[in-house]
Amino acid sequence: MPSLLGLDLGGTKMAGARYDAATWKMQESAQEDTRAEESFAKVLPRMIALAERLIAQDTIAIGVGVPGFVERPTGIIRTLPNIRGAENVPLKSQLEKALKMTVTVDNDVTCFTLAEALRGAGKGMGVVVGITMGTGVGGGIVIDGVPYHGSHGFAAEFGHMLLKPGDLPYPTKDRRGSVEQFLSGSAFAKRCTAAKRPEEYLQGEVCAFLQPQVFEEVAQLCASLTHCLDPDIIVFGGGAGRALKPHLKAVEKALQHWVFPGTPLPALSVAQLKDAGTMGAAMLV
């Protein structure tokens, strides 16, 4: 049975995994530091080397998830906000030339959502929405097992949706009040400066004042997505997203308050798959 390779490029690390194309059993995995402070021209050779380590004789194609805007089906990266020099990069053609194999490129949270829709928390459901809360906030939409990209490939950029325009919880010149300015790990660090570790933002007493605010804001985001997409389930990933697990009842209660009366509520869940990024990338092909 042939195998498929998935690569997940992150700002901190890049991960790769090879899967049996029939069972989705992981055969081998590896990861490398991204070193995002360097230019993309230096990151690319490490991506190629990582793929070469994992490609087997029966590997037939490669999928790649990247944290930014991708033109489809050309696989041209329009921009990666956290990696310098990644503007208008023809990643698909570059990797295909280096690896002599078909490559598909998409947004990393789309990959995450696809894996959770087909093999994780959203398995068997029609409309699955993914939200990752890490350094930034990302989104993905999968409808009947197929990623939804919108007319220009820019759908599901939930982090750039407006949450509270002009009403920021910390000093900043950027007054858009986007979701990412409230619910990303970077925003949490500004909202609770006493935290020594990221897990303290949503757990324990150090940032106890912040937690009810965050649950309310997550619910407001979910309410907007519920009215727009009518999802079966919303799946949370990323470090801060997974930390919501013990608080999902509180988020659900707030969500009931913010949706129009009688609106069916989606299920809320954290990701079930530890390797959703690489698996979803492999599923692209």
C-alpha atoms as a PDB file:
ATOM      1  CA  MET A   1       0.000   0.000   0.000  1.00  0.00           C
ATOM      2  CA  PRO A   2       1.427   3.444  -0.896  1.00  0.00           C
ATOM      3  CA  SER A   3       2.327   6.041   1.713  1.00  0.00           C
ATOM      4  CA  LEU A   4       1.764   9.798   1.911  1.00  0.00           C
ATOM      5  CA  LEU A   5       3.987  12.389   3.563  1.00  0.00           C
ATOM      6  CA  GLY A   6       2.726  15.403   5.500  1.00  0.00           C
ATOM      7  CA  LEU A   7       4.838  18.420   6.483  1.00  0.00           C
ATOM      8  CA  ASP A   8       3.666  21.024   9.005  1.00  0.00           C
ATOM      9  CA  LEU A   9       5.701  24.233   8.986  1.00  0.00           C
ATOM     10  CA  GLY A  10       5.412  26.249  12.187  1.00  0.00           C
ATOM     11  CA  GLY A  11       7.133  29.350  13.457  1.00  0.00           C
ATOM     12  CA  THR A  12       9.047  27.349  16.090  1.00  0.00           C
ATOM     13  CA  LYS A  13       9.361  23.888  14.575  1.00  0.00           C
ATOM     14  CA  MET A  14       8.624  22.001  11.399  1.00  0.00           C
ATOM     15  CA  ALA A  15       7.208  18.494  11.722  1.00  0.00           C
ATOM     16  CA  GLY A  16       6.898  15.694   9.216  1.00  0.00           C
ATOM     17  CA  ALA A  17       5.178  12.316   9.252  1.00  0.00           C
ATOM     18  CA  ARG A  18       4.634   9.496   6.780  1.00  0.00           C
ATOM     19  CA  TYR A  19       1.299   7.647   6.771  1.00  0.00           C
ATOM     20  CA  ASP A  20      -0.150   4.499   5.271  1.00  0.00           C
ATOM     21  CA  ALA A  21      -2.534   5.853   2.627  1.00  0.00           C
ATOM     22  CA  ALA A  22      -5.223   3.277   3.465  1.00  0.00           C
ATOM     23  CA  THR A  23      -5.229   3.179   7.270  1.00  0.00           C
ATOM     24  CA  TRP A  24      -3.641   6.542   8.162  1.00  0.00           C
ATOM     25  CA  LYS A  25      -1.349   4.745  10.568  1.00  0.00           C
ATOM     26  CA  MET A  26       1.789   6.798  11.125  1.00  0.00           C
ATOM     27  CA  GLN A  27       4.876   4.979   9.879  1.00  0.00           C
ATOM     28  CA  GLU A  28       7.609   7.455  10.789  1.00  0.00           C
ATOM     29  CA  SER A  29       7.920  11.031  12.028  1.00  0.00           C
ATOM     30  CA  ALA A  30      10.592  13.654  12.636  1.00  0.00           C
ATOM     31  CA  GLN A  31      10.919  17.347  13.356  1.00  0.00           C
ATOM     32  CA  GLU A  32      13.407  20.183  13.057  1.00  0.00           C
ATOM     33  CA  ASP A  33      13.706  23.700  14.437  1.00  0.00           C
ATOM     34  CA  THR A  34      12.297  26.211  11.974  1.00  0.00           C
ATOM     35  CA  ARG A  35      14.503  29.105  13.105  1.00  0.00           C
ATOM     36  CA  ALA A  36      11.919  31.551  11.804  1.00  0.00           C
ATOM     37  CA  GLU A  37      14.170  34.511  12.604  1.00  0.00           C
ATOM     38  CA  GLU A  38      16.185  33.490   9.553  1.00  0.00           C
ATOM     39  CA  SER A  39      14.916  34.126   6.048  1.00  0.00           C
ATOM     40  CA  PHE A  40      12.667  31.642   4.261  1.00  0.00           C
ATOM     41  CA  ALA A  41      15.535  30.992   1.852  1.00  0.00           C
ATOM     42  CA  LYS A  42      17.338  29.288   4.756  1.00  0.00           C
ATOM     43  CA  VAL A  43      14.219  27.542   6.066  1.00  0.00           C
ATOM     44  CA  LEU A  44      13.447  25.892   2.717  1.00  0.00           C
ATOM     45  CA  PRO A  45      16.559  23.644   2.589  1.00  0.00           C
ATOM     46  CA  ARG A  46      15.690  22.301   6.052  1.00  0.00           C
ATOM     47  CA  MET A  47      12.165  21.501   4.848  1.00  0.00           C
ATOM     48  CA  ILE A  48      13.615  19.611   1.896  1.00  0.00           C
ATOM     49  CA  ALA A  49      16.063  17.723   4.130  1.00  0.00           C
ATOM     50  CA  LEU A  50      13.255  16.791   6.542  1.00  0.00           C
ATOM     51  CA  ALA A  51      11.156  15.449   3.669  1.00  0.00           C
ATOM     52  CA  GLU A  52      14.092  13.482   2.276  1.00  0.00           C
ATOM     53  CA  ARG A  53      14.569  11.789   5.653  1.00  0.00           C
ATOM     54  CA  LEU A  54      10.967  10.595   5.676  1.00  0.00           C
ATOM     55  CA  ILE A  55      10.286   9.681   2.050  1.00  0.00           C
ATOM     56  CA  ALA A  56      10.068   5.924   1.520  1.00  0.00           C
ATOM     57  CA  GLN A  57      10.134   3.894  -1.689  1.00  0.00           C
ATOM     58  CA  ASP A  58       6.335   3.667  -1.636  1.00  0.00           C
ATOM     59  CA  THR A  59       5.712   7.392  -0.941  1.00  0.00           C
ATOM     60  CA  ILE A  60       3.614   8.793  -3.789  1.00  0.00           C
ATOM     61  CA  ALA A  61       2.892  12.422  -2.818  1.00  0.00           C
ATOM     62  CA  ILE A  62       3.530  15.152  -0.245  1.00  0.00           C
ATOM     63  CA  GLY A  63       1.207  17.645   1.444  1.00  0.00           C
ATOM     64  CA  VAL A  64       2.483  20.771   3.184  1.00  0.00           C
ATOM     65  CA  GLY A  65       0.763  23.060   5.683  1.00  0.00           C
ATOM     66  CA  VAL A  66       2.174  26.564   6.154  1.00  0.00           C
ATOM     67  CA  PRO A  67       1.183  29.348   8.602  1.00  0.00           C
ATOM     68  CA  GLY A  68       0.022  31.954   6.151  1.00  0.00           C
ATOM     69  CA  PHE A  69      -1.729  32.790   2.904  1.00  0.00           C
ATOM     70  CA  VAL A  70      -1.474  30.276   0.045  1.00  0.00           C
ATOM     71  CA  GLU A  71      -2.715  30.646  -3.514  1.00  0.00           C
ATOM     72  CA  ARG A  72      -4.365  27.486  -4.728  1.00  0.00           C
ATOM     73  CA  PRO A  73      -3.841  25.323  -6.737  1.00  0.00           C
ATOM     74  CA  THR A  74      -0.503  26.904  -7.683  1.00  0.00           C
ATOM     75  CA  GLY A  75       0.890  26.464  -4.161  1.00  0.00           C
ATOM     76  CA  ILE A  76       2.377  29.951  -4.171  1.00  0.00           C
ATOM     77  CA  ILE A  77       2.873  31.390  -0.691  1.00  0.00           C
ATOM     78  CA  ARG A  78       1.640  34.977  -0.723  1.00  0.00           C
ATOM     79  CA  THR A  79       2.988  35.708   2.752  1.00  0.00           C
ATOM     80  CA  LEU A  80       3.997  33.995   5.997  1.00  0.00           C
ATOM     81  CA  PRO A  81       3.654  36.654   8.719  1.00  0.00           C
ATOM     82  CA  ASN A  82       6.185  35.027  11.059  1.00  0.00           C
ATOM     83  CA  ILE A  83       8.921  34.105   8.542  1.00  0.00           C
ATOM     84  CA  ARG A  84      10.872  36.770   6.661  1.00  0.00           C
ATOM     85  CA  GLY A  85      11.259  36.583   2.908  1.00  0.00           C
ATOM     86  CA  ALA A  86       8.249  34.356   2.269  1.00  0.00           C
ATOM     87  CA  GLU A  87       6.390  36.677  -0.061  1.00  0.00           C
ATOM     88  CA  ASN A  88       5.213  35.220  -3.393  1.00  0.00           C
ATOM     89  CA  VAL A  89       7.269  32.037  -2.988  1.00  0.00           C
ATOM     90  CA  PRO A  90       6.369  29.235  -5.457  1.00  0.00           C
ATOM     91  CA  LEU A  91       6.726  26.574  -2.764  1.00  0.00           C
ATOM     92  CA  LYS A  92       4.874  23.827  -4.629  1.00  0.00           C
ATOM     93  CA  SER A  93       7.116  24.032  -7.683  1.00  0.00           C
ATOM     94  CA  GLN A  94      10.270  24.425  -5.574  1.00  0.00           C
ATOM     95  CA  LEU A  95       9.537  21.282  -3.564  1.00  0.00           C
ATOM     96  CA  GLU A  96       8.436  19.294  -6.597  1.00  0.00           C
ATOM     97  CA  LYS A  97      11.695  20.170  -8.360  1.00  0.00           C
ATOM     98  CA  ALA A  98      13.800  19.194  -5.337  1.00  0.00           C
ATOM     99  CA  LEU A  99      11.904  16.055  -4.313  1.00  0.00           C
ATOM    100  CA  LYS A 100      10.687  14.797  -7.716  1.00  0.00           C
ATOM    101  CA  MET A 101       7.210  14.215  -6.335  1.00  0.00           C
ATOM    102  CA  THR A 102       3.727  15.777  -6.485  1.00  0.00           C
ATOM    103  CA  VAL A 103       3.283  18.407  -3.743  1.00  0.00           C
ATOM    104  CA  THR A 104       0.122  20.127  -2.482  1.00  0.00           C
ATOM    105  CA  VAL A 105       0.349  23.245  -0.273  1.00  0.00           C
ATOM    106  CA  ASP A 106      -2.336  24.760   1.950  1.00  0.00           C
ATOM    107  CA  ASN A 107      -2.805  26.730   5.148  1.00  0.00           C
ATOM    108  CA  ASP A 108      -1.724  24.859   8.280  1.00  0.00           C
ATOM    109  CA  VAL A 109      -5.014  25.322  10.155  1.00  0.00           C
ATOM    110  CA  THR A 110      -6.931  24.053   7.143  1.00  0.00           C
ATOM    111  CA  CYS A 111      -4.789  20.916   7.449  1.00  0.00           C
ATOM    112  CA  PHE A 112      -5.506  20.698  11.189  1.00  0.00           C
ATOM    113  CA  THR A 113      -9.240  21.043  10.590  1.00  0.00           C
ATOM    114  CA  LEU A 114      -9.261  18.485   7.772  1.00  0.00           C
ATOM    115  CA  ALA A 115      -7.635  15.836   9.961  1.00  0.00           C
ATOM    116  CA  GLU A 116     -10.007  16.514  12.851  1.00  0.00           C
ATOM    117  CA  ALA A 117     -12.968  16.395  10.441  1.00  0.00           C
ATOM    118  CA  LEU A 118     -12.017  13.052   8.909  1.00  0.00           C
ATOM    119  CA  ARG A 119     -10.298  11.231  11.787  1.00  0.00           C
ATOM    120  CA  GLY A 120     -10.750  13.272  14.969  1.00  0.00           C
ATOM    121  CA  ALA A 121     -13.343  15.205  16.950  1.00  0.00           C
ATOM    122  CA  GLY A 122     -15.441  16.030  13.875  1.00  0.00           C
ATOM    123  CA  LYS A 123     -15.473  12.571  12.306  1.00  0.00           C
ATOM    124  CA  GLY A 124     -18.819  11.856  10.635  1.00  0.00           C
ATOM    125  CA  MET A 125     -19.986  15.489  10.848  1.00  0.00           C
ATOM    126  CA  GLY A 126     -20.904  17.737   7.922  1.00  0.00           C
ATOM    127  CA  VAL A 127     -19.564  21.185   8.851  1.00  0.00           C
ATOM    128  CA  VAL A 128     -16.414  21.279  10.973  1.00  0.00           C
ATOM    129  CA  VAL A 129     -14.755  24.518  12.074  1.00  0.00           C
ATOM    130  CA  GLY A 130     -11.242  24.564  13.502  1.00  0.00           C
ATOM    131  CA  ILE A 131      -9.734  27.331  15.625  1.00  0.00           C
ATOM    132  CA  THR A 132      -6.101  27.285  16.707  1.00  0.00           C
ATOM    133  CA  MET A 133      -4.990  29.591  19.496  1.00  0.00           C
ATOM    134  CA  GLY A 134      -1.222  29.802  19.740  1.00  0.00           C
ATOM    135  CA  THR A 135       1.164  32.614  18.891  1.00  0.00           C
ATOM    136  CA  GLY A 136      -1.673  33.844  16.676  1.00  0.00           C
ATOM    137  CA  VAL A 137      -5.233  32.704  15.977  1.00  0.00           C
ATOM    138  CA  GLY A 138      -5.957  30.631  12.872  1.00  0.00           C
ATOM    139  CA  GLY A 139      -9.035  29.026  11.374  1.00  0.00           C
ATOM    140  CA  GLY A 140     -10.197  26.288   9.060  1.00  0.00           C
ATOM    141  CA  ILE A 141     -13.523  25.203   7.555  1.00  0.00           C
ATOM    142  CA  VAL A 142     -14.275  21.705   6.241  1.00  0.00           C
ATOM    143  CA  ILE A 143     -17.658  20.955   4.662  1.00  0.00           C
ATOM    144  CA  ASP A 144     -18.579  17.344   3.898  1.00  0.00           C
ATOM    145  CA  GLY A 145     -14.925  16.348   4.082  1.00  0.00           C
ATOM    146  CA  VAL A 146     -13.691  19.096   1.737  1.00  0.00           C
ATOM    147  CA  PRO A 147     -11.772  22.213   2.871  1.00  0.00           C
ATOM    148  CA  TYR A 148     -13.553  25.490   2.113  1.00  0.00           C
ATOM    149  CA  HIS A 149     -11.248  28.249   0.864  1.00  0.00           C
ATOM    150  CA  GLY A 150     -13.626  30.957  -0.353  1.00  0.00           C
ATOM    151  CA  SER A 151     -13.465  32.800  -3.674  1.00  0.00           C
ATOM    152  CA  HIS A 152      -9.841  33.920  -3.333  1.00  0.00           C
ATOM    153  CA  GLY A 153      -8.404  31.379  -0.882  1.00  0.00           C
ATOM    154  CA  PHE A 154      -8.630  33.696   2.126  1.00  0.00           C
ATOM    155  CA  ALA A 155     -11.580  32.137   3.964  1.00  0.00           C
ATOM    156  CA  ALA A 156     -11.392  31.174   7.662  1.00  0.00           C
ATOM    157  CA  GLU A 157      -8.957  33.898   8.722  1.00  0.00           C
ATOM    158  CA  PHE A 158     -10.735  34.048  12.068  1.00  0.00           C
ATOM    159  CA  GLY A 159      -7.847  35.802  13.797  1.00  0.00           C
ATOM    160  CA  HIS A 160      -8.440  38.887  11.655  1.00  0.00           C
ATOM    161  CA  MET A 161     -12.179  39.060  12.321  1.00  0.00           C
ATOM    162  CA  LEU A 162     -13.174  41.999  14.494  1.00  0.00           C
ATOM    163  CA  LEU A 163     -14.120  41.193  18.076  1.00  0.00           C
ATOM    164  CA  LYS A 164     -14.164  44.538  19.915  1.00  0.00           C
ATOM    165  CA  PRO A 165     -13.156  47.365  17.551  1.00  0.00           C
ATOM    166  CA  GLY A 166     -11.403  50.197  19.345  1.00  0.00           C
ATOM    167  CA  ASP A 167     -11.671  48.511  22.760  1.00  0.00           C
ATOM    168  CA  LEU A 168      -8.294  46.865  23.347  1.00  0.00           C
ATOM    169  CA  PRO A 169      -7.387  45.405  26.767  1.00  0.00           C
ATOM    170  CA  TYR A 170      -3.801  46.737  26.604  1.00  0.00           C
ATOM    171  CA  PRO A 171      -2.036  49.800  25.137  1.00  0.00           C
ATOM    172  CA  THR A 172      -1.450  49.533  21.381  1.00  0.00           C
ATOM    173  CA  LYS A 173      -1.526  51.787  18.330  1.00  0.00           C
ATOM    174  CA  ASP A 174      -3.450  49.151  16.386  1.00  0.00           C
ATOM    175  CA  ARG A 175      -7.057  49.681  17.478  1.00  0.00           C
ATOM    176  CA  ARG A 176      -8.787  47.182  15.176  1.00  0.00           C
ATOM    177  CA  GLY A 177      -9.784  44.955  18.083  1.00  0.00           C
ATOM    178  CA  SER A 178      -9.345  41.745  16.105  1.00  0.00           C
ATOM    179  CA  VAL A 179      -9.766  38.262  17.543  1.00  0.00           C
ATOM    180  CA  GLU A 180      -6.000  37.752  17.475  1.00  0.00           C
ATOM    181  CA  GLN A 181      -5.497  40.881  19.584  1.00  0.00           C
ATOM    182  CA  PHE A 182      -7.558  39.249  22.325  1.00  0.00           C
ATOM    183  CA  LEU A 183      -7.190  35.469  22.103  1.00  0.00           C
ATOM    184  CA  SER A 184      -3.657  34.700  20.925  1.00  0.00           C
ATOM    185  CA  GLY A 185      -0.842  33.652  23.216  1.00  0.00           C
ATOM    186  CA  SER A 186       0.875  36.928  22.365  1.00  0.00           C
ATOM    187  CA  ALA A 187      -2.194  38.840  23.538  1.00  0.00           C
ATOM    188  CA  PHE A 188      -2.475  36.788  26.744  1.00  0.00           C
ATOM    189  CA  ALA A 189       1.135  37.700  27.590  1.00  0.00           C
ATOM    190  CA  LYS A 190       0.179  41.388  27.432  1.00  0.00           C
ATOM    191  CA  ARG A 191      -3.063  40.891  29.364  1.00  0.00           C
ATOM    192  CA  CYS A 192      -1.485  38.922  32.231  1.00  0.00           C
ATOM    193  CA  THR A 193       2.132  39.940  32.668  1.00  0.00           C
ATOM    194  CA  ALA A 194       2.474  37.959  35.918  1.00  0.00           C
ATOM    195  CA  ALA A 195       2.339  34.609  34.109  1.00  0.00           C
ATOM    196  CA  LYS A 196       5.655  32.749  33.970  1.00  0.00           C
ATOM    197  CA  ARG A 197       4.413  29.917  31.714  1.00  0.00           C
ATOM    198  CA  PRO A 198       1.811  29.898  28.914  1.00  0.00           C
ATOM    199  CA  GLU A 199      -0.378  27.336  30.687  1.00  0.00           C
ATOM    200  CA  GLU A 200      -0.936  29.825  33.528  1.00  0.00           C
ATOM    201  CA  TYR A 201      -3.062  32.051  31.294  1.00  0.00           C
ATOM    202  CA  LEU A 202      -6.056  29.702  31.419  1.00  0.00           C
ATOM    203  CA  GLN A 203      -5.194  27.545  34.431  1.00  0.00           C
ATOM    204  CA  GLY A 204      -4.544  28.266  38.088  1.00  0.00           C
ATOM    205  CA  GLU A 205      -4.708  31.488  40.076  1.00  0.00           C
ATOM    206  CA  VAL A 206      -2.042  33.691  38.500  1.00  0.00           C
ATOM    207  CA  CYS A 207      -4.342  34.884  35.694  1.00  0.00           C
ATOM    208  CA  ALA A 208      -7.662  34.064  37.363  1.00  0.00           C
ATOM    209  CA  PHE A 209      -8.985  37.552  36.548  1.00  0.00           C
ATOM    210  CA  LEU A 210      -8.368  36.948  32.847  1.00  0.00           C
ATOM    211  CA  GLN A 211     -10.075  33.595  32.448  1.00  0.00           C
ATOM    212  CA  PRO A 212     -13.762  34.673  32.623  1.00  0.00           C
ATOM    213  CA  GLN A 213     -13.012  37.408  30.092  1.00  0.00           C
ATOM    214  CA  VAL A 214     -11.401  34.909  27.718  1.00  0.00           C
ATOM    215  CA  PHE A 215     -14.274  32.418  27.994  1.00  0.00           C
ATOM    216  CA  GLU A 216     -16.715  35.212  27.151  1.00  0.00           C
ATOM    217  CA  GLU A 217     -14.621  36.353  24.179  1.00  0.00           C
ATOM    218  CA  VAL A 218     -14.234  32.808  22.840  1.00  0.00           C
ATOM    219  CA  ALA A 219     -18.013  32.442  23.111  1.00  0.00           C
ATOM    220  CA  GLN A 220     -18.531  35.693  21.189  1.00  0.00           C
ATOM    221  CA  LEU A 221     -16.277  34.413  18.398  1.00  0.00           C
ATOM    222  CA  CYS A 222     -18.136  31.099  18.365  1.00  0.00           C
ATOM    223  CA  ALA A 223     -21.471  32.939  18.216  1.00  0.00           C
ATOM    224  CA  SER A 224     -20.388  34.805  15.083  1.00  0.00           C
ATOM    225  CA  LEU A 225     -19.169  31.571  13.488  1.00  0.00           C
ATOM    226  CA  THR A 226     -22.389  29.798  14.476  1.00  0.00           C
ATOM    227  CA  HIS A 227     -24.586  32.395  12.785  1.00  0.00           C
ATOM    228  CA  CYS A 228     -22.341  32.508   9.715  1.00  0.00           C
ATOM    229  CA  LEU A 229     -21.568  28.809   9.139  1.00  0.00           C
ATOM    230  CA  ASP A 230     -24.037  26.774  11.247  1.00  0.00           C
ATOM    231  CA  PRO A 231     -21.289  24.259  12.134  1.00  0.00           C
ATOM    232  CA  ASP A 232     -21.812  20.839  13.665  1.00  0.00           C
ATOM    233  CA  ILE A 233     -18.703  21.261  15.799  1.00  0.00           C
ATOM    234  CA  ILE A 234     -15.991  23.787  16.615  1.00  0.00           C
ATOM    235  CA  VAL A 235     -12.627  22.186  17.404  1.00  0.00           C
ATOM    236  CA  PHE A 236      -9.914  24.072  19.309  1.00  0.00           C
ATOM    237  CA  GLY A 237      -6.202  23.473  18.844  1.00  0.00           C
ATOM    238  CA  GLY A 238      -2.918  25.153  19.624  1.00  0.00           C
ATOM    239  CA  GLY A 239      -1.472  25.533  23.108  1.00  0.00           C
ATOM    240  CA  ALA A 240      -4.075  28.004  24.374  1.00  0.00           C
ATOM    241  CA  GLY A 241      -6.897  26.295  22.482  1.00  0.00           C
ATOM    242  CA  ARG A 242      -6.198  22.904  24.042  1.00  0.00           C
ATOM    243  CA  ALA A 243      -6.019  24.588  27.459  1.00  0.00           C
ATOM    244  CA  LEU A 244      -9.732  25.382  27.074  1.00  0.00           C
ATOM    245  CA  LYS A 245     -10.627  21.717  27.626  1.00  0.00           C
ATOM    246  CA  PRO A 246     -11.690  22.020  31.303  1.00  0.00           C
ATOM    247  CA  HIS A 247     -13.529  25.266  30.523  1.00  0.00           C
ATOM    248  CA  LEU A 248     -15.686  24.264  27.550  1.00  0.00           C
ATOM    249  CA  LYS A 249     -18.845  24.153  29.689  1.00  0.00           C
ATOM    250  CA  ALA A 250     -18.240  27.771  30.683  1.00  0.00           C
ATOM    251  CA  VAL A 251     -17.736  28.718  27.025  1.00  0.00           C
ATOM    252  CA  GLU A 252     -20.895  26.844  26.025  1.00  0.00           C
ATOM    253  CA  LYS A 253     -22.924  28.630  28.700  1.00  0.00           C
ATOM    254  CA  ALA A 254     -21.691  32.002  27.440  1.00  0.00           C
ATOM    255  CA  LEU A 255     -22.364  30.936  23.845  1.00  0.00           C
ATOM    256  CA  GLN A 256     -26.006  30.253  24.709  1.00  0.00           C
ATOM    257  CA  HIS A 257     -26.246  33.856  25.880  1.00  0.00           C
ATOM    258  CA  TRP A 258     -24.746  35.370  22.727  1.00  0.00           C
ATOM    259  CA  VAL A 259     -26.566  33.479  19.954  1.00  0.00           C
ATOM    260  CA  PHE A 260     -30.048  34.391  18.773  1.00  0.00           C
ATOM    261  CA  PRO A 261     -32.645  32.449  20.823  1.00  0.00           C
ATOM    262  CA  GLY A 262     -33.454  29.084  19.295  1.00  0.00           C
ATOM    263  CA  THR A 263     -30.236  28.850  17.273  1.00  0.00           C
ATOM    264  CA  PRO A 264     -28.840  25.279  17.291  1.00  0.00           C
ATOM    265  CA  LEU A 265     -25.492  25.260  19.079  1.00  0.00           C
ATOM    266  CA  PRO A 266     -22.434  23.467  17.721  1.00  0.00           C
ATOM    267  CA  ALA A 267     -20.587  20.926  19.813  1.00  0.00           C
ATOM    268  CA  LEU A 268     -17.366  22.306  21.316  1.00  0.00           C
ATOM    269  CA  SER A 269     -14.254  20.152  21.586  1.00  0.00           C
ATOM    270  CA  VAL A 270     -10.497  20.316  21.776  1.00  0.00           C
ATOM    271  CA  ALA A 271      -8.528  18.424  19.156  1.00  0.00           C
ATOM    272  CA  GLN A 272      -8.409  14.649  19.524  1.00  0.00           C
ATOM    273  CA  LEU A 273      -5.371  14.109  17.304  1.00  0.00           C
ATOM    274  CA  LYS A 274      -1.846  14.931  18.442  1.00  0.00           C
ATOM    275  CA  ASP A 275      -0.606  14.915  14.845  1.00  0.00           C
ATOM    276  CA  ALA A 276      -3.501  16.713  13.149  1.00  0.00           C
ATOM    277  CA  GLY A 277      -1.164  19.145  11.377  1.00  0.00           C
ATOM    278  CA  THR A 278       0.948  16.548   9.590  1.00  0.00           C
ATOM    279  CA  MET A 279      -1.939  14.131   9.030  1.00  0.00           C
ATOM    280  CA  GLY A 280      -4.117  16.849   7.537  1.00  0.00           C
ATOM    281  CA  ALA A 281      -1.268  17.930   5.276  1.00  0.00           C
ATOM    282  CA  ALA A 282      -0.915  14.360   4.002  1.00  0.00           C
ATOM    283  CA  MET A 283      -4.682  14.266   3.433  1.00  0.00           C
ATOM    284  CA  LEU A 284      -4.431  17.214   1.024  1.00  0.00           C
ATOM    285  CA  VAL A 285      -3.154  14.912  -1.693  1.00  0.00           C
END
